[in-house]
Amino acid sequence: LADSGGGLVQVGDSLRLSCAASGRPFTSFDMAW
């Protein structure tokens, strides 16, 4: 798993984090943050 998308933001702003999976299909995986 490789997560990305973090940063420095101001109060009230938005961010979208992403998590890329590789190695085997993760369609049967529960995913969490």
ModelCIF file with pLDDT and N, C-alpha, C, O atoms, coordinates in Angstrom:
data_MODEL
#
_entry.id   MODEL 
#
_entity.id                         1 
_entity.type                       polymer 
_entity.pdbx_number_of_molecules   1 
#
_entity_poly.entity_id                      1 
_entity_poly.type                           'polypeptide(L)' 
_entity_poly.nstd_linkage                   no 
_entity_poly.nstd_monomer                   no 
_entity_poly.pdbx_seq_one_letter_code       LADSGGGLVQVGDSLRLSCAASGRPFTSFDMAW 
_entity_poly.pdbx_seq_one_letter_code_can   LADSGGGLVQVGDSLRLSCAASGRPFTSFDMAW 
_entity_poly.pdbx_strand_id                 A 
#
loop_
_entity_poly_seq.entity_id 
_entity_poly_seq.num 
_entity_poly_seq.mon_id 
_entity_poly_seq.hetero 
1 1  LEU n 
1 2  ALA n 
1 3  ASP n 
1 4  SER n 
1 5  GLY n 
1 6  GLY n 
1 7  GLY n 
1 8  LEU n 
1 9  VAL n 
1 10 GLN n 
1 11 VAL n 
1 12 GLY n 
1 13 ASP n 
1 14 SER n 
1 15 LEU n 
1 16 ARG n 
1 17 LEU n 
1 18 SER n 
1 19 CYS n 
1 20 ALA n 
1 21 ALA n 
1 22 SER n 
1 23 GLY n 
1 24 ARG n 
1 25 PRO n 
1 26 PHE n 
1 27 THR n 
1 28 SER n 
1 29 PHE n 
1 30 ASP n 
1 31 MET n 
1 32 ALA n 
1 33 TRP n 
#
_struct_asym.id          A 
_struct_asym.entity_id   1 
#
loop_
_ma_qa_metric.id 
_ma_qa_metric.mode 
_ma_qa_metric.name 
_ma_qa_metric.software_group_id 
_ma_qa_metric.type 
1 global pLDDT . pLDDT 
2 local  pLDDT . pLDDT 
#
_ma_qa_metric_global.metric_id      1 
_ma_qa_metric_global.metric_value   94.24 
_ma_qa_metric_global.model_id       1 
_ma_qa_metric_global.ordinal_id     1 
#
loop_
_ma_qa_metric_local.label_asym_id 
_ma_qa_metric_local.label_comp_id 
_ma_qa_metric_local.label_seq_id 
_ma_qa_metric_local.metric_id 
_ma_qa_metric_local.metric_value 
_ma_qa_metric_local.model_id 
_ma_qa_metric_local.ordinal_id 
A LEU 1  2 96.00 1 1  
A ALA 2  2 97.00 1 2  
A ASP 3  2 95.00 1 3  
A SER 4  2 97.00 1 4  
A GLY 5  2 98.00 1 5  
A GLY 6  2 97.00 1 6  
A GLY 7  2 97.00 1 7  
A LEU 8  2 98.00 1 8  
A VAL 9  2 98.00 1 9  
A GLN 10 2 98.00 1 10 
A VAL 11 2 98.00 1 11 
A GLY 12 2 98.00 1 12 
A ASP 13 2 98.00 1 13 
A SER 14 2 98.00 1 14 
A LEU 15 2 98.00 1 15 
A ARG 16 2 98.00 1 16 
A LEU 17 2 98.00 1 17 
A SER 18 2 98.00 1 18 
A CYS 19 2 97.00 1 19 
A ALA 20 2 96.00 1 20 
A ALA 21 2 95.00 1 21 
A SER 22 2 91.00 1 22 
A GLY 23 2 85.00 1 23 
A ARG 24 2 78.00 1 24 
A PRO 25 2 75.00 1 25 
A PHE 26 2 80.00 1 26 
A THR 27 2 86.00 1 27 
A SER 28 2 91.00 1 28 
A PHE 29 2 94.00 1 29 
A ASP 30 2 96.00 1 30 
A MET 31 2 96.00 1 31 
A ALA 32 2 97.00 1 32 
A TRP 33 2 98.00 1 33 
#
loop_
_atom_site.group_PDB 
_atom_site.id 
_atom_site.type_symbol 
_atom_site.label_atom_id 
_atom_site.label_alt_id 
_atom_site.label_comp_id 
_atom_site.label_asym_id 
_atom_site.label_entity_id 
_atom_site.label_seq_id 
_atom_site.pdbx_PDB_ins_code 
_atom_site.Cartn_x 
_atom_site.Cartn_y 
_atom_site.Cartn_z 
_atom_site.occupancy 
_atom_site.B_iso_or_equiv 
_atom_site.pdbx_formal_charge 
_atom_site.auth_seq_id 
_atom_site.auth_comp_id 
_atom_site.auth_asym_id 
_atom_site.auth_atom_id 
_atom_site.pdbx_PDB_model_num 
ATOM 1   N N  . LEU A 1 1  ? 0.844   -1.186 0.000  1.00 96.00 ? 1  LEU A N  1 
ATOM 2   C CA . LEU A 1 1  ? 0.000   0.000  0.000  1.00 96.00 ? 1  LEU A CA 1 
ATOM 3   C C  . LEU A 1 1  ? 0.881   1.238  0.000  1.00 96.00 ? 1  LEU A C  1 
ATOM 4   O O  . LEU A 1 1  ? 1.880   1.311  0.715  1.00 96.00 ? 1  LEU A O  1 
ATOM 5   N N  . ALA A 1 2  ? 0.491   2.207  -0.816 1.00 97.00 ? 2  ALA A N  1 
ATOM 6   C CA . ALA A 1 2  ? 1.227   3.467  -0.876 1.00 97.00 ? 2  ALA A CA 1 
ATOM 7   C C  . ALA A 1 2  ? 0.231   4.601  -0.752 1.00 97.00 ? 2  ALA A C  1 
ATOM 8   O O  . ALA A 1 2  ? -0.597  4.816  -1.637 1.00 97.00 ? 2  ALA A O  1 
ATOM 9   N N  . ASP A 1 3  ? 0.317   5.327  0.356  1.00 95.00 ? 3  ASP A N  1 
ATOM 10  C CA . ASP A 1 3  ? -0.616  6.428  0.546  1.00 95.00 ? 3  ASP A CA 1 
ATOM 11  C C  . ASP A 1 3  ? 0.058   7.754  0.218  1.00 95.00 ? 3  ASP A C  1 
ATOM 12  O O  . ASP A 1 3  ? 1.274   7.907  0.336  1.00 95.00 ? 3  ASP A O  1 
ATOM 13  N N  . SER A 1 4  ? -0.768  8.702  -0.194 1.00 97.00 ? 4  SER A N  1 
ATOM 14  C CA . SER A 1 4  ? -0.274  9.999  -0.631 1.00 97.00 ? 4  SER A CA 1 
ATOM 15  C C  . SER A 1 4  ? -1.378  11.032 -0.521 1.00 97.00 ? 4  SER A C  1 
ATOM 16  O O  . SER A 1 4  ? -2.530  10.697 -0.245 1.00 97.00 ? 4  SER A O  1 
ATOM 17  N N  . GLY A 1 5  ? -1.018  12.298 -0.738 1.00 98.00 ? 5  GLY A N  1 
ATOM 18  C CA . GLY A 1 5  ? -2.005  13.357 -0.784 1.00 98.00 ? 5  GLY A CA 1 
ATOM 19  C C  . GLY A 1 5  ? -1.998  14.300 0.396  1.00 98.00 ? 5  GLY A C  1 
ATOM 20  O O  . GLY A 1 5  ? -2.744  15.279 0.414  1.00 98.00 ? 5  GLY A O  1 
ATOM 21  N N  . GLY A 1 6  ? -1.169  14.020 1.380  1.00 97.00 ? 6  GLY A N  1 
ATOM 22  C CA . GLY A 1 6  ? -1.120  14.901 2.543  1.00 97.00 ? 6  GLY A CA 1 
ATOM 23  C C  . GLY A 1 6  ? -0.496  16.244 2.220  1.00 97.00 ? 6  GLY A C  1 
ATOM 24  O O  . GLY A 1 6  ? 0.007   16.459 1.117  1.00 97.00 ? 6  GLY A O  1 
ATOM 25  N N  . GLY A 1 7  ? -0.533  17.146 3.190  1.00 97.00 ? 7  GLY A N  1 
ATOM 26  C CA . GLY A 1 7  ? 0.056   18.453 2.975  1.00 97.00 ? 7  GLY A CA 1 
ATOM 27  C C  . GLY A 1 7  ? -0.270  19.394 4.111  1.00 97.00 ? 7  GLY A C  1 
ATOM 28  O O  . GLY A 1 7  ? -0.847  19.003 5.126  1.00 97.00 ? 7  GLY A O  1 
ATOM 29  N N  . LEU A 1 8  ? 0.113   20.646 3.919  1.00 98.00 ? 8  LEU A N  1 
ATOM 30  C CA . LEU A 1 8  ? -0.153  21.713 4.885  1.00 98.00 ? 8  LEU A CA 1 
ATOM 31  C C  . LEU A 1 8  ? -1.311  22.550 4.366  1.00 98.00 ? 8  LEU A C  1 
ATOM 32  O O  . LEU A 1 8  ? -1.239  23.119 3.276  1.00 98.00 ? 8  LEU A O  1 
ATOM 33  N N  . VAL A 1 9  ? -2.369  22.621 5.146  1.00 98.00 ? 9  VAL A N  1 
ATOM 34  C CA . VAL A 1 9  ? -3.555  23.371 4.737  1.00 98.00 ? 9  VAL A CA 1 
ATOM 35  C C  . VAL A 1 9  ? -4.012  24.266 5.882  1.00 98.00 ? 9  VAL A C  1 
ATOM 36  O O  . VAL A 1 9  ? -3.510  24.181 7.002  1.00 98.00 ? 9  VAL A O  1 
ATOM 37  N N  . GLN A 1 10 ? -4.983  25.127 5.569  1.00 98.00 ? 10 GLN A N  1 
ATOM 38  C CA . GLN A 1 10 ? -5.569  26.011 6.559  1.00 98.00 ? 10 GLN A CA 1 
ATOM 39  C C  . GLN A 1 10 ? -6.852  25.399 7.123  1.00 98.00 ? 10 GLN A C  1 
ATOM 40  O O  . GLN A 1 10 ? -7.446  24.498 6.531  1.00 98.00 ? 10 GLN A O  1 
ATOM 41  N N  . VAL A 1 11 ? -7.253  25.906 8.262  1.00 98.00 ? 11 VAL A N  1 
ATOM 42  C CA . VAL A 1 11 ? -8.523  25.478 8.853  1.00 98.00 ? 11 VAL A CA 1 
ATOM 43  C C  . VAL A 1 11 ? -9.651  25.690 7.841  1.00 98.00 ? 11 VAL A C  1 
ATOM 44  O O  . VAL A 1 11 ? -9.753  26.744 7.214  1.00 98.00 ? 11 VAL A O  1 
ATOM 45  N N  . GLY A 1 12 ? -10.488 24.671 7.697  1.00 98.00 ? 12 GLY A N  1 
ATOM 46  C CA . GLY A 1 12 ? -11.609 24.742 6.784  1.00 98.00 ? 12 GLY A CA 1 
ATOM 47  C C  . GLY A 1 12 ? -11.332 24.247 5.382  1.00 98.00 ? 12 GLY A C  1 
ATOM 48  O O  . GLY A 1 12 ? -12.255 24.068 4.587  1.00 98.00 ? 12 GLY A O  1 
ATOM 49  N N  . ASP A 1 13 ? -10.064 24.025 5.073  1.00 98.00 ? 13 ASP A N  1 
ATOM 50  C CA . ASP A 1 13 ? -9.696  23.529 3.747  1.00 98.00 ? 13 ASP A CA 1 
ATOM 51  C C  . ASP A 1 13 ? -10.049 22.049 3.603  1.00 98.00 ? 13 ASP A C  1 
ATOM 52  O O  . ASP A 1 13 ? -10.500 21.393 4.542  1.00 98.00 ? 13 ASP A O  1 
ATOM 53  N N  . SER A 1 14 ? -9.822  21.553 2.380  1.00 98.00 ? 14 SER A N  1 
ATOM 54  C CA . SER A 1 14 ? -10.058 20.145 2.062  1.00 98.00 ? 14 SER A CA 1 
ATOM 55  C C  . SER A 1 14 ? -8.795  19.504 1.517  1.00 98.00 ? 14 SER A C  1 
ATOM 56  O O  . SER A 1 14 ? -7.932  20.172 0.948  1.00 98.00 ? 14 SER A O  1 
ATOM 57  N N  . LEU A 1 15 ? -8.707  18.199 1.702  1.00 98.00 ? 15 LEU A N  1 
ATOM 58  C CA . LEU A 1 15 ? -7.641  17.394 1.123  1.00 98.00 ? 15 LEU A CA 1 
ATOM 59  C C  . LEU A 1 15 ? -8.224  16.048 0.736  1.00 98.00 ? 15 LEU A C  1 
ATOM 60  O O  . LEU A 1 15 ? -9.178  15.573 1.354  1.00 98.00 ? 15 LEU A O  1 
ATOM 61  N N  . ARG A 1 16 ? -7.649  15.436 -0.286 1.00 98.00 ? 16 ARG A N  1 
ATOM 62  C CA . ARG A 1 16 ? -8.029  14.068 -0.622 1.00 98.00 ? 16 ARG A CA 1 
ATOM 63  C C  . ARG A 1 16 ? -6.784  13.184 -0.567 1.00 98.00 ? 16 ARG A C  1 
ATOM 64  O O  . ARG A 1 16 ? -5.817  13.395 -1.299 1.00 98.00 ? 16 ARG A O  1 
ATOM 65  N N  . LEU A 1 17 ? -6.832  12.204 0.309  1.00 98.00 ? 17 LEU A N  1 
ATOM 66  C CA . LEU A 1 17 ? -5.756  11.226 0.410  1.00 98.00 ? 17 LEU A CA 1 
ATOM 67  C C  . LEU A 1 17 ? -6.059  10.048 -0.507 1.00 98.00 ? 17 LEU A C  1 
ATOM 68  O O  . LEU A 1 17 ? -7.214  9.672  -0.707 1.00 98.00 ? 17 LEU A O  1 
ATOM 69  N N  . SER A 1 18 ? -5.002  9.482  -1.054 1.00 98.00 ? 18 SER A N  1 
ATOM 70  C CA . SER A 1 18 ? -5.153  8.311  -1.920 1.00 98.00 ? 18 SER A CA 1 
ATOM 71  C C  . SER A 1 18 ? -4.293  7.173  -1.397 1.00 98.00 ? 18 SER A C  1 
ATOM 72  O O  . SER A 1 18 ? -3.238  7.394  -0.802 1.00 98.00 ? 18 SER A O  1 
ATOM 73  N N  . CYS A 1 19 ? -4.752  5.971  -1.624 1.00 97.00 ? 19 CYS A N  1 
ATOM 74  C CA . CYS A 1 19 ? -4.005  4.776  -1.235 1.00 97.00 ? 19 CYS A CA 1 
ATOM 75  C C  . CYS A 1 19 ? -4.011  3.832  -2.423 1.00 97.00 ? 19 CYS A C  1 
ATOM 76  O O  . CYS A 1 19 ? -5.065  3.352  -2.840 1.00 97.00 ? 19 CYS A O  1 
ATOM 77  N N  . ALA A 1 20 ? -2.831  3.566  -2.966 1.00 96.00 ? 20 ALA A N  1 
ATOM 78  C CA . ALA A 1 20 ? -2.704  2.686  -4.118 1.00 96.00 ? 20 ALA A CA 1 
ATOM 79  C C  . ALA A 1 20 ? -2.235  1.314  -3.658 1.00 96.00 ? 20 ALA A C  1 
ATOM 80  O O  . ALA A 1 20 ? -1.242  1.192  -2.940 1.00 96.00 ? 20 ALA A O  1 
ATOM 81  N N  . ALA A 1 21 ? -2.957  0.289  -4.077 1.00 95.00 ? 21 ALA A N  1 
ATOM 82  C CA . ALA A 1 21 ? -2.612  -1.084 -3.708 1.00 95.00 ? 21 ALA A CA 1 
ATOM 83  C C  . ALA A 1 21 ? -1.962  -1.791 -4.888 1.00 95.00 ? 21 ALA A C  1 
ATOM 84  O O  . ALA A 1 21 ? -2.342  -1.585 -6.040 1.00 95.00 ? 21 ALA A O  1 
ATOM 85  N N  . SER A 1 22 ? -0.982  -2.622 -4.585 1.00 91.00 ? 22 SER A N  1 
ATOM 86  C CA . SER A 1 22 ? -0.328  -3.420 -5.618 1.00 91.00 ? 22 SER A CA 1 
ATOM 87  C C  . SER A 1 22 ? 0.090   -4.749 -5.026 1.00 91.00 ? 22 SER A C  1 
ATOM 88  O O  . SER A 1 22 ? 0.112   -4.918 -3.807 1.00 91.00 ? 22 SER A O  1 
ATOM 89  N N  . GLY A 1 23 ? 0.415   -5.677 -5.879 1.00 85.00 ? 23 GLY A N  1 
ATOM 90  C CA . GLY A 1 23 ? 0.905   -6.965 -5.422 1.00 85.00 ? 23 GLY A CA 1 
ATOM 91  C C  . GLY A 1 23 ? -0.086  -8.088 -5.601 1.00 85.00 ? 23 GLY A C  1 
ATOM 92  O O  . GLY A 1 23 ? 0.294   -9.198 -5.972 1.00 85.00 ? 23 GLY A O  1 
ATOM 93  N N  . ARG A 1 24 ? -1.331  -7.821 -5.347 1.00 78.00 ? 24 ARG A N  1 
ATOM 94  C CA . ARG A 1 24 ? -2.404  -8.775 -5.606 1.00 78.00 ? 24 ARG A CA 1 
ATOM 95  C C  . ARG A 1 24 ? -3.717  -8.009 -5.578 1.00 78.00 ? 24 ARG A C  1 
ATOM 96  O O  . ARG A 1 24 ? -3.783  -6.933 -4.982 1.00 78.00 ? 24 ARG A O  1 
ATOM 97  N N  . PRO A 1 25 ? -4.747  -8.527 -6.197 1.00 75.00 ? 25 PRO A N  1 
ATOM 98  C CA . PRO A 1 25 ? -6.023  -7.810 -6.202 1.00 75.00 ? 25 PRO A CA 1 
ATOM 99  C C  . PRO A 1 25 ? -6.538  -7.597 -4.794 1.00 75.00 ? 25 PRO A C  1 
ATOM 100 O O  . PRO A 1 25 ? -6.503  -8.509 -3.967 1.00 75.00 ? 25 PRO A O  1 
ATOM 101 N N  . PHE A 1 26 ? -7.009  -6.413 -4.526 1.00 80.00 ? 26 PHE A N  1 
ATOM 102 C CA . PHE A 1 26 ? -7.482  -6.134 -3.167 1.00 80.00 ? 26 PHE A CA 1 
ATOM 103 C C  . PHE A 1 26 ? -9.000  -6.008 -3.113 1.00 80.00 ? 26 PHE A C  1 
ATOM 104 O O  . PHE A 1 26 ? -9.555  -5.435 -2.176 1.00 80.00 ? 26 PHE A O  1 
ATOM 105 N N  . THR A 1 27 ? -9.660  -6.551 -4.129 1.00 86.00 ? 27 THR A N  1 
ATOM 106 C CA . THR A 1 27 ? -11.117 -6.432 -4.178 1.00 86.00 ? 27 THR A CA 1 
ATOM 107 C C  . THR A 1 27 ? -11.807 -7.110 -3.016 1.00 86.00 ? 27 THR A C  1 
ATOM 108 O O  . THR A 1 27 ? -12.945 -6.767 -2.695 1.00 86.00 ? 27 THR A O  1 
ATOM 109 N N  . SER A 1 28 ? -11.144 -8.075 -2.368 1.00 91.00 ? 28 SER A N  1 
ATOM 110 C CA . SER A 1 28 ? -11.755 -8.740 -1.221 1.00 91.00 ? 28 SER A CA 1 
ATOM 111 C C  . SER A 1 28 ? -11.227 -8.203 0.103  1.00 91.00 ? 28 SER A C  1 
ATOM 112 O O  . SER A 1 28 ? -11.390 -8.844 1.141  1.00 91.00 ? 28 SER A O  1 
ATOM 113 N N  . PHE A 1 29 ? -10.607 -7.054 0.075  1.00 94.00 ? 29 PHE A N  1 
ATOM 114 C CA . PHE A 1 29 ? -10.045 -6.453 1.275  1.00 94.00 ? 29 PHE A CA 1 
ATOM 115 C C  . PHE A 1 29 ? -10.941 -5.361 1.832  1.00 94.00 ? 29 PHE A C  1 
ATOM 116 O O  . PHE A 1 29 ? -11.426 -4.509 1.088  1.00 94.00 ? 29 PHE A O  1 
ATOM 117 N N  . ASP A 1 30 ? -11.163 -5.385 3.143  1.00 96.00 ? 30 ASP A N  1 
ATOM 118 C CA . ASP A 1 30 ? -11.659 -4.203 3.827  1.00 96.00 ? 30 ASP A CA 1 
ATOM 119 C C  . ASP A 1 30 ? -10.504 -3.211 3.888  1.00 96.00 ? 30 ASP A C  1 
ATOM 120 O O  . ASP A 1 30 ? -9.369  -3.588 4.180  1.00 96.00 ? 30 ASP A O  1 
ATOM 121 N N  . MET A 1 31 ? -10.794 -1.952 3.613  1.00 96.00 ? 31 MET A N  1 
ATOM 122 C CA . MET A 1 31 ? -9.773  -0.919 3.641  1.00 96.00 ? 31 MET A CA 1 
ATOM 123 C C  . MET A 1 31 ? -10.133 0.124  4.685  1.00 96.00 ? 31 MET A C  1 
ATOM 124 O O  . MET A 1 31 ? -11.309 0.386  4.941  1.00 96.00 ? 31 MET A O  1 
ATOM 125 N N  . ALA A 1 32 ? -9.118  0.709  5.277  1.00 97.00 ? 32 ALA A N  1 
ATOM 126 C CA . ALA A 1 32 ? -9.345  1.662  6.353  1.00 97.00 ? 32 ALA A CA 1 
ATOM 127 C C  . ALA A 1 32 ? -8.282  2.755  6.333  1.00 97.00 ? 32 ALA A C  1 
ATOM 128 O O  . ALA A 1 32 ? -7.217  2.612  5.733  1.00 97.00 ? 32 ALA A O  1 
ATOM 129 N N  . TRP A 1 33 ? -8.607  3.831  6.999  1.00 98.00 ? 33 TRP A N  1 
ATOM 130 C CA . TRP A 1 33 ? -7.656  4.906  7.269  1.00 98.00 ? 33 TRP A CA 1 
ATOM 131 C C  . TRP A 1 33 ? -7.537  5.074  8.778  1.00 98.00 ? 33 TRP A C  1 
ATOM 132 O O  . TRP A 1 33 ? -6.786  5.930  9.247  1.00 98.00 ? 33 TRP A O  1 
#
